PDB file of all heavy atoms in Angstrom:
ATOM      1  N   LEU A   1     110.324 187.597   4.083  1.00  0.00           N
ATOM      2  CA  LEU A   1     110.306 188.007   2.678  1.00  0.00           C
ATOM      3  C   LEU A   1     111.173 187.078   1.843  1.00  0.00           C
ATOM      4  O   LEU A   1     112.336 186.850   2.158  1.00  0.00           O
ATOM      5  CB  LEU A   1     110.818 189.445   2.549  1.00  0.00           C
ATOM      6  CG  LEU A   1     110.836 190.053   1.160  1.00  0.00           C
ATOM      7  CD1 LEU A   1     109.406 190.224   0.637  1.00  0.00           C
ATOM      8  CD2 LEU A   1     111.539 191.401   1.195  1.00  0.00           C
ATOM      9  N   LEU A   2     110.566 186.513   0.797  1.00  0.00           N
ATOM     10  CA  LEU A   2     111.314 185.651  -0.122  1.00  0.00           C
ATOM     11  C   LEU A   2     111.794 186.430  -1.341  1.00  0.00           C
ATOM     12  O   LEU A   2     112.472 185.898  -2.190  1.00  0.00           O
ATOM     13  CB  LEU A   2     110.434 184.481  -0.590  1.00  0.00           C
ATOM     14  CG  LEU A   2     110.048 183.493   0.487  1.00  0.00           C
ATOM     15  CD1 LEU A   2     109.097 182.445  -0.067  1.00  0.00           C
ATOM     16  CD2 LEU A   2     111.286 182.825   1.077  1.00  0.00           C
ATOM     17  N   GLY A   3     111.413 187.671  -1.399  1.00  0.00           N
ATOM     18  CA  GLY A   3     111.825 188.513  -2.517  1.00  0.00           C
ATOM     19  C   GLY A   3     110.626 189.082  -3.226  1.00  0.00           C
ATOM     20  O   GLY A   3     109.506 188.607  -3.078  1.00  0.00           O
ATOM     21  N   HIS A   4     110.886 190.117  -3.956  1.00  0.00           N
ATOM     22  CA  HIS A   4     109.837 190.733  -4.753  1.00  0.00           C
ATOM     23  C   HIS A   4     109.749 189.991  -6.076  1.00  0.00           C
ATOM     24  O   HIS A   4     110.754 189.585  -6.643  1.00  0.00           O
ATOM     25  CB  HIS A   4     110.139 192.210  -5.034  1.00  0.00           C
ATOM     26  CG  HIS A   4     110.019 193.063  -3.825  1.00  0.00           C
ATOM     27  ND1 HIS A   4     108.809 193.341  -3.241  1.00  0.00           N
ATOM     28  CD2 HIS A   4     110.947 193.702  -3.082  1.00  0.00           C
ATOM     29  CE1 HIS A   4     109.007 194.122  -2.192  1.00  0.00           C
ATOM     30  NE2 HIS A   4     110.300 194.352  -2.077  1.00  0.00           N
ATOM     31  N   GLY A   5     108.554 189.827  -6.551  1.00  0.00           N
ATOM     32  CA  GLY A   5     108.345 189.255  -7.874  1.00  0.00           C
ATOM     33  C   GLY A   5     108.438 190.370  -8.899  1.00  0.00           C
ATOM     34  O   GLY A   5     109.219 191.302  -8.752  1.00  0.00           O
ATOM     35  N   GLU A   6     107.614 190.283  -9.870  1.00  0.00           N
ATOM     36  CA  GLU A   6     107.617 191.267 -10.946  1.00  0.00           C
ATOM     37  C   GLU A   6     107.201 192.646 -10.440  1.00  0.00           C
ATOM     38  O   GLU A   6     106.453 192.784  -9.478  1.00  0.00           O
ATOM     39  CB  GLU A   6     106.659 190.822 -12.047  1.00  0.00           C
ATOM     40  CG  GLU A   6     107.088 189.551 -12.749  1.00  0.00           C
ATOM     41  CD  GLU A   6     108.366 189.710 -13.538  1.00  0.00           C
ATOM     42  OE1 GLU A   6     108.506 190.719 -14.257  1.00  0.00           O
ATOM     43  OE2 GLU A   6     109.224 188.832 -13.443  1.00  0.00           O
ATOM     44  N   MET A   7     107.684 193.694 -11.126  1.00  0.00           N
ATOM     45  CA  MET A   7     107.301 195.076 -10.851  1.00  0.00           C
ATOM     46  C   MET A   7     106.958 195.749 -12.167  1.00  0.00           C
ATOM     47  O   MET A   7     107.550 195.432 -13.201  1.00  0.00           O
ATOM     48  CB  MET A   7     108.444 195.839 -10.196  1.00  0.00           C
ATOM     49  CG  MET A   7     108.837 195.345  -8.839  1.00  0.00           C
ATOM     50  SD  MET A   7     110.197 196.292  -8.130  1.00  0.00           S
ATOM     51  CE  MET A   7     109.390 197.840  -7.778  1.00  0.00           C
ATOM     52  N   GLN A   8     106.001 196.667 -12.137  1.00  0.00           N
ATOM     53  CA  GLN A   8     105.702 197.470 -13.309  1.00  0.00           C
ATOM     54  C   GLN A   8     105.620 198.924 -12.877  1.00  0.00           C
ATOM     55  O   GLN A   8     104.749 199.304 -12.087  1.00  0.00           O
ATOM     56  CB  GLN A   8     104.412 197.042 -13.987  1.00  0.00           C
ATOM     57  CG  GLN A   8     104.203 197.773 -15.299  1.00  0.00           C
ATOM     58  CD  GLN A   8     103.005 197.271 -16.074  1.00  0.00           C
ATOM     59  OE1 GLN A   8     102.029 196.809 -15.511  1.00  0.00           O
ATOM     60  NE2 GLN A   8     103.082 197.392 -17.374  1.00  0.00           N
ATOM     61  N   SER A   9     106.566 199.747 -13.367  1.00  0.00           N
ATOM     62  CA  SER A   9     106.632 201.155 -13.010  1.00  0.00           C
ATOM     63  C   SER A   9     105.715 201.990 -13.893  1.00  0.00           C
ATOM     64  O   SER A   9     105.473 201.641 -15.045  1.00  0.00           O
ATOM     65  CB  SER A   9     108.068 201.674 -13.160  1.00  0.00           C
ATOM     66  OG  SER A   9     108.934 201.002 -12.279  1.00  0.00           O
ATOM     67  N   ILE A  10     105.252 203.100 -13.323  1.00  0.00           N
ATOM     68  CA  ILE A  10     104.507 204.033 -14.165  1.00  0.00           C
ATOM     69  C   ILE A  10     105.514 204.778 -15.033  1.00  0.00           C
ATOM     70  O   ILE A  10     106.683 204.914 -14.663  1.00  0.00           O
ATOM     71  CB  ILE A  10     103.633 205.008 -13.335  1.00  0.00           C
ATOM     72  CG1 ILE A  10     104.476 205.892 -12.426  1.00  0.00           C
ATOM     73  CG2 ILE A  10     102.584 204.260 -12.543  1.00  0.00           C
ATOM     74  CD1 ILE A  10     103.675 206.982 -11.722  1.00  0.00           C
ATOM     75  N   PRO A  11     105.101 205.258 -16.201  1.00  0.00           N
ATOM     76  CA  PRO A  11     106.029 205.972 -17.089  1.00  0.00           C
ATOM     77  C   PRO A  11     106.549 207.263 -16.441  1.00  0.00           C
ATOM     78  O   PRO A  11     105.890 207.827 -15.563  1.00  0.00           O
ATOM     79  CB  PRO A  11     105.173 206.304 -18.310  1.00  0.00           C
ATOM     80  CG  PRO A  11     103.993 205.411 -18.234  1.00  0.00           C
ATOM     81  CD  PRO A  11     103.770 205.121 -16.782  1.00  0.00           C
ATOM     82  N   LYS A  12     107.693 207.706 -16.860  1.00  0.00           N
ATOM     83  CA  LYS A  12     108.235 208.982 -16.380  1.00  0.00           C
ATOM     84  C   LYS A  12     107.370 210.110 -16.937  1.00  0.00           C
ATOM     85  O   LYS A  12     106.848 210.031 -18.046  1.00  0.00           O
ATOM     86  CB  LYS A  12     109.682 209.176 -16.829  1.00  0.00           C
ATOM     87  CG  LYS A  12     110.623 208.114 -16.283  1.00  0.00           C
ATOM     88  CD  LYS A  12     110.637 208.102 -14.776  1.00  0.00           C
ATOM     89  CE  LYS A  12     111.563 207.023 -14.249  1.00  0.00           C
ATOM     90  NZ  LYS A  12     111.256 206.668 -12.881  1.00  0.00           N
ATOM     91  N   GLY A  13     107.197 211.141 -16.139  1.00  0.00           N
ATOM     92  CA  GLY A  13     106.344 212.258 -16.520  1.00  0.00           C
ATOM     93  C   GLY A  13     104.960 212.074 -15.913  1.00  0.00           C
ATOM     94  O   GLY A  13     104.756 211.265 -15.013  1.00  0.00           O
ATOM     95  N   VAL A  14     104.007 212.836 -16.437  1.00  0.00           N
ATOM     96  CA  VAL A  14     102.648 212.815 -15.902  1.00  0.00           C
ATOM     97  C   VAL A  14     101.795 211.804 -16.663  1.00  0.00           C
ATOM     98  O   VAL A  14     101.771 211.796 -17.887  1.00  0.00           O
ATOM     99  CB  VAL A  14     101.992 214.209 -15.999  1.00  0.00           C
ATOM    100  CG1 VAL A  14     100.555 214.165 -15.492  1.00  0.00           C
ATOM    101  CG2 VAL A  14     102.797 215.239 -15.227  1.00  0.00           C
ATOM    102  N   THR A  15     101.117 210.947 -15.924  1.00  0.00           N
ATOM    103  CA  THR A  15     100.134 210.014 -16.467  1.00  0.00           C
ATOM    104  C   THR A  15      98.815 210.358 -15.786  1.00  0.00           C
ATOM    105  O   THR A  15      98.519 209.859 -14.700  1.00  0.00           O
ATOM    106  CB  THR A  15     100.523 208.547 -16.175  1.00  0.00           C
ATOM    107  OG1 THR A  15     101.830 208.295 -16.695  1.00  0.00           O
ATOM    108  CG2 THR A  15      99.536 207.574 -16.810  1.00  0.00           C
ATOM    109  N   ASP A  16      98.045 211.272 -16.395  1.00  0.00           N
ATOM    110  CA  ASP A  16      96.778 211.712 -15.804  1.00  0.00           C
ATOM    111  C   ASP A  16      95.681 210.663 -15.943  1.00  0.00           C
ATOM    112  O   ASP A  16      94.864 210.498 -15.043  1.00  0.00           O
ATOM    113  CB  ASP A  16      96.293 213.007 -16.465  1.00  0.00           C
ATOM    114  CG  ASP A  16      97.053 214.229 -15.954  1.00  0.00           C
ATOM    115  OD1 ASP A  16      97.434 214.245 -14.770  1.00  0.00           O
ATOM    116  OD2 ASP A  16      97.251 215.169 -16.747  1.00  0.00           O
ATOM    117  N   ASP A  17      95.645 209.991 -17.088  1.00  0.00           N
ATOM    118  CA  ASP A  17      94.602 208.994 -17.326  1.00  0.00           C
ATOM    119  C   ASP A  17      94.987 207.674 -16.667  1.00  0.00           C
ATOM    120  O   ASP A  17      96.165 207.322 -16.593  1.00  0.00           O
ATOM    121  CB  ASP A  17      94.411 208.761 -18.832  1.00  0.00           C
ATOM    122  CG  ASP A  17      93.883 209.999 -19.539  1.00  0.00           C
ATOM    123  OD1 ASP A  17      93.121 210.766 -18.908  1.00  0.00           O
ATOM    124  OD2 ASP A  17      94.232 210.194 -20.716  1.00  0.00           O
ATOM    125  N   TRP A  18      93.967 206.944 -16.195  1.00  0.00           N
ATOM    126  CA  TRP A  18      94.226 205.636 -15.611  1.00  0.00           C
ATOM    127  C   TRP A  18      94.837 204.706 -16.656  1.00  0.00           C
ATOM    128  O   TRP A  18      94.436 204.719 -17.807  1.00  0.00           O
ATOM    129  CB  TRP A  18      92.933 205.022 -15.069  1.00  0.00           C
ATOM    130  CG  TRP A  18      92.438 205.718 -13.842  1.00  0.00           C
ATOM    131  CD1 TRP A  18      91.395 206.586 -13.776  1.00  0.00           C
ATOM    132  CD2 TRP A  18      92.969 205.641 -12.528  1.00  0.00           C
ATOM    133  NE1 TRP A  18      91.242 207.038 -12.483  1.00  0.00           N
ATOM    134  CE2 TRP A  18      92.190 206.462 -11.696  1.00  0.00           C
ATOM    135  CE3 TRP A  18      94.029 204.934 -11.952  1.00  0.00           C
ATOM    136  CZ2 TRP A  18      92.426 206.619 -10.331  1.00  0.00           C
ATOM    137  CZ3 TRP A  18      94.271 205.084 -10.597  1.00  0.00           C
ATOM    138  CH2 TRP A  18      93.476 205.911  -9.799  1.00  0.00           C
ATOM    139  N   ARG A  19      95.819 203.927 -16.249  1.00  0.00           N
ATOM    140  CA  ARG A  19      96.550 203.008 -17.133  1.00  0.00           C
ATOM    141  C   ARG A  19      96.536 201.632 -16.477  1.00  0.00           C
ATOM    142  O   ARG A  19      96.827 201.506 -15.290  1.00  0.00           O
ATOM    143  CB  ARG A  19      97.967 203.554 -17.271  1.00  0.00           C
ATOM    144  CG  ARG A  19      98.927 202.728 -18.020  1.00  0.00           C
ATOM    145  CD  ARG A  19     100.320 203.383 -17.906  1.00  0.00           C
ATOM    146  NE  ARG A  19     101.242 202.674 -18.701  1.00  0.00           N
ATOM    147  CZ  ARG A  19     101.736 203.116 -19.857  1.00  0.00           C
ATOM    148  NH1 ARG A  19     101.393 204.285 -20.298  1.00  0.00           N
ATOM    149  NH2 ARG A  19     102.576 202.388 -20.533  1.00  0.00           N
ATOM    150  N   LEU A  20      96.216 200.608 -17.252  1.00  0.00           N
ATOM    151  CA  LEU A  20      96.170 199.245 -16.716  1.00  0.00           C
ATOM    152  C   LEU A  20      97.586 198.689 -16.569  1.00  0.00           C
ATOM    153  O   LEU A  20      98.360 198.672 -17.523  1.00  0.00           O
ATOM    154  CB  LEU A  20      95.355 198.339 -17.642  1.00  0.00           C
ATOM    155  CG  LEU A  20      95.219 196.885 -17.209  1.00  0.00           C
ATOM    156  CD1 LEU A  20      94.482 196.772 -15.878  1.00  0.00           C
ATOM    157  CD2 LEU A  20      94.528 196.078 -18.285  1.00  0.00           C
ATOM    158  N   ALA A  21      97.909 198.247 -15.358  1.00  0.00           N
ATOM    159  CA  ALA A  21      99.177 197.569 -15.086  1.00  0.00           C
ATOM    160  C   ALA A  21      98.856 196.101 -14.821  1.00  0.00           C
ATOM    161  O   ALA A  21      97.945 195.794 -14.052  1.00  0.00           O
ATOM    162  CB  ALA A  21      99.874 198.196 -13.884  1.00  0.00           C
ATOM    163  N   VAL A  22      99.592 195.204 -15.453  1.00  0.00           N
ATOM    164  CA  VAL A  22      99.361 193.772 -15.308  1.00  0.00           C
ATOM    165  C   VAL A  22     100.691 193.077 -15.020  1.00  0.00           C
ATOM    166  O   VAL A  22     101.679 193.314 -15.718  1.00  0.00           O
ATOM    167  CB  VAL A  22      98.728 193.171 -16.590  1.00  0.00           C
ATOM    168  CG1 VAL A  22      98.500 191.683 -16.437  1.00  0.00           C
ATOM    169  CG2 VAL A  22      97.433 193.887 -16.932  1.00  0.00           C
ATOM    170  N   LEU A  23     100.690 192.228 -13.999  1.00  0.00           N
ATOM    171  CA  LEU A  23     101.885 191.470 -13.625  1.00  0.00           C
ATOM    172  C   LEU A  23     101.524 189.995 -13.482  1.00  0.00           C
ATOM    173  O   LEU A  23     100.425 189.663 -13.052  1.00  0.00           O
ATOM    174  CB  LEU A  23     102.413 191.930 -12.261  1.00  0.00           C
ATOM    175  CG  LEU A  23     102.799 193.378 -12.093  1.00  0.00           C
ATOM    176  CD1 LEU A  23     103.096 193.651 -10.629  1.00  0.00           C
ATOM    177  CD2 LEU A  23     104.002 193.699 -12.946  1.00  0.00           C
ATOM    178  N   ALA A  24     102.453 189.139 -13.789  1.00  0.00           N
ATOM    179  CA  ALA A  24     102.288 187.709 -13.543  1.00  0.00           C
ATOM    180  C   ALA A  24     103.638 187.163 -13.090  1.00  0.00           C
ATOM    181  O   ALA A  24     104.672 187.519 -13.641  1.00  0.00           O
ATOM    182  CB  ALA A  24     101.821 186.980 -14.790  1.00  0.00           C
ATOM    183  N   ASP A  25     103.602 186.307 -12.056  1.00  0.00           N
ATOM    184  CA  ASP A  25     104.846 185.709 -11.573  1.00  0.00           C
ATOM    185  C   ASP A  25     104.524 184.411 -10.851  1.00  0.00           C
ATOM    186  O   ASP A  25     103.442 184.255 -10.276  1.00  0.00           O
ATOM    187  CB  ASP A  25     105.578 186.658 -10.634  1.00  0.00           C
ATOM    188  CG  ASP A  25     107.058 186.348 -10.512  1.00  0.00           C
ATOM    189  OD1 ASP A  25     107.547 185.422 -11.201  1.00  0.00           O
ATOM    190  OD2 ASP A  25     107.738 187.037  -9.734  1.00  0.00           O
ATOM    191  N   GLN A  26     105.472 183.499 -10.880  1.00  0.00           N
ATOM    192  CA  GLN A  26     105.313 182.214 -10.206  1.00  0.00           C
ATOM    193  C   GLN A  26     105.903 182.313  -8.804  1.00  0.00           C
ATOM    194  O   GLN A  26     107.016 182.831  -8.621  1.00  0.00           O
ATOM    195  CB  GLN A  26     106.026 181.124 -10.998  1.00  0.00           C
ATOM    196  CG  GLN A  26     105.730 179.734 -10.498  1.00  0.00           C
ATOM    197  CD  GLN A  26     106.270 178.673 -11.440  1.00  0.00           C
ATOM    198  OE1 GLN A  26     106.998 178.960 -12.372  1.00  0.00           O
ATOM    199  NE2 GLN A  26     105.907 177.436 -11.181  1.00  0.00           N
ATOM    200  N   ALA A  27     105.146 181.841  -7.812  1.00  0.00           N
ATOM    201  CA  ALA A  27     105.615 181.872  -6.423  1.00  0.00           C
ATOM    202  C   ALA A  27     106.857 180.994  -6.272  1.00  0.00           C
ATOM    203  O   ALA A  27     106.869 179.862  -6.732  1.00  0.00           O
ATOM    204  CB  ALA A  27     104.514 181.398  -5.491  1.00  0.00           C
ATOM    205  N   PRO A  28     107.902 181.508  -5.613  1.00  0.00           N
ATOM    206  CA  PRO A  28     109.132 180.735  -5.450  1.00  0.00           C
ATOM    207  C   PRO A  28     108.969 179.603  -4.436  1.00  0.00           C
ATOM    208  O   PRO A  28     107.997 179.565  -3.664  1.00  0.00           O
ATOM    209  CB  PRO A  28     110.133 181.777  -4.941  1.00  0.00           C
ATOM    210  CG  PRO A  28     109.308 182.813  -4.278  1.00  0.00           C
ATOM    211  CD  PRO A  28     108.009 182.845  -5.029  1.00  0.00           C
ATOM    212  N   GLN A  29     109.927 178.699  -4.423  1.00  0.00           N
ATOM    213  CA  GLN A  29     109.953 177.592  -3.460  1.00  0.00           C
ATOM    214  C   GLN A  29     109.850 178.147  -2.048  1.00  0.00           C
ATOM    215  O   GLN A  29     110.513 179.115  -1.709  1.00  0.00           O
ATOM    216  CB  GLN A  29     111.251 176.795  -3.632  1.00  0.00           C
ATOM    217  CG  GLN A  29     111.301 175.543  -2.830  1.00  0.00           C
ATOM    218  CD  GLN A  29     110.304 174.496  -3.333  1.00  0.00           C
ATOM    219  OE1 GLN A  29     109.899 174.498  -4.477  1.00  0.00           O
ATOM    220  NE2 GLN A  29     109.915 173.611  -2.438  1.00  0.00           N
ATOM    221  N   GLY A  30     108.997 177.560  -1.231  1.00  0.00           N
ATOM    222  CA  GLY A  30     108.839 177.985   0.152  1.00  0.00           C
ATOM    223  C   GLY A  30     107.790 179.063   0.362  1.00  0.00           C
ATOM    224  O   GLY A  30     107.517 179.446   1.497  1.00  0.00           O
ATOM    225  N   ALA A  31     107.189 179.569  -0.703  1.00  0.00           N
ATOM    226  CA  ALA A  31     106.193 180.643  -0.573  1.00  0.00           C
ATOM    227  C   ALA A  31     104.906 180.112   0.055  1.00  0.00           C
ATOM    228  O   ALA A  31     104.429 179.040  -0.295  1.00  0.00           O
ATOM    229  CB  ALA A  31     105.886 181.257  -1.929  1.00  0.00           C
ATOM    230  N   ALA A  32     104.380 180.861   1.006  1.00  0.00           N
ATOM    231  CA  ALA A  32     103.102 180.531   1.633  1.00  0.00           C
ATOM    232  C   ALA A  32     102.099 181.674   1.444  1.00  0.00           C
ATOM    233  O   ALA A  32     100.903 181.463   1.568  1.00  0.00           O
ATOM    234  CB  ALA A  32     103.296 180.253   3.119  1.00  0.00           C
ATOM    235  N   TRP A  33     102.593 182.865   1.186  1.00  0.00           N
ATOM    236  CA  TRP A  33     101.751 184.042   1.030  1.00  0.00           C
ATOM    237  C   TRP A  33     102.200 184.847  -0.182  1.00  0.00           C
ATOM    238  O   TRP A  33     103.392 184.917  -0.487  1.00  0.00           O
ATOM    239  CB  TRP A  33     101.849 184.939   2.270  1.00  0.00           C
ATOM    240  CG  TRP A  33     101.433 184.265   3.531  1.00  0.00           C
ATOM    241  CD1 TRP A  33     102.267 183.628   4.428  1.00  0.00           C
ATOM    242  CD2 TRP A  33     100.123 184.124   4.034  1.00  0.00           C
ATOM    243  NE1 TRP A  33     101.538 183.115   5.452  1.00  0.00           N
ATOM    244  CE2 TRP A  33     100.205 183.406   5.252  1.00  0.00           C
ATOM    245  CE3 TRP A  33      98.877 184.543   3.596  1.00  0.00           C
ATOM    246  CZ2 TRP A  33      99.093 183.095   6.009  1.00  0.00           C
ATOM    247  CZ3 TRP A  33      97.776 184.232   4.369  1.00  0.00           C
ATOM    248  CH2 TRP A  33      97.884 183.529   5.555  1.00  0.00           C
ATOM    249  N   VAL A  34     101.235 185.482  -0.830  1.00  0.00           N
ATOM    250  CA  VAL A  34     101.527 186.390  -1.937  1.00  0.00           C
ATOM    251  C   VAL A  34     100.725 187.661  -1.714  1.00  0.00           C
ATOM    252  O   VAL A  34      99.594 187.619  -1.217  1.00  0.00           O
ATOM    253  CB  VAL A  34     101.192 185.760  -3.323  1.00  0.00           C
ATOM    254  CG1 VAL A  34      99.722 185.382  -3.410  1.00  0.00           C
ATOM    255  CG2 VAL A  34     101.568 186.699  -4.458  1.00  0.00           C
ATOM    256  N   GLY A  35     101.324 188.790  -2.047  1.00  0.00           N
ATOM    257  CA  GLY A  35     100.628 190.060  -1.907  1.00  0.00           C
ATOM    258  C   GLY A  35     100.937 190.960  -3.079  1.00  0.00           C
ATOM    259  O   GLY A  35     101.945 190.793  -3.771  1.00  0.00           O
ATOM    260  N   VAL A  36     100.063 191.897  -3.305  1.00  0.00           N
ATOM    261  CA  VAL A  36     100.259 192.902  -4.349  1.00  0.00           C
ATOM    262  C   VAL A  36     100.212 194.270  -3.679  1.00  0.00           C
ATOM    263  O   VAL A  36      99.461 194.477  -2.723  1.00  0.00           O
ATOM    264  CB  VAL A  36      99.198 192.778  -5.473  1.00  0.00           C
ATOM    265  CG1 VAL A  36      97.796 192.993  -4.939  1.00  0.00           C
ATOM    266  CG2 VAL A  36      99.474 193.742  -6.617  1.00  0.00           C
ATOM    267  N   GLY A  37     101.045 195.174  -4.135  1.00  0.00           N
ATOM    268  CA  GLY A  37     101.069 196.505  -3.533  1.00  0.00           C
ATOM    269  C   GLY A  37     101.690 197.519  -4.460  1.00  0.00           C
ATOM    270  O   GLY A  37     102.097 197.205  -5.580  1.00  0.00           O
TER     271      GLY A  37
END
């Protein structure tokens, strides 16, 4: 693990409707793999 990139949390409380989350980040030096979760 080289570290976590950007994170986007869901708002506090109930979010019943689907909400679009968008992240962008540059892979750090030495990165060979990237994943989203």
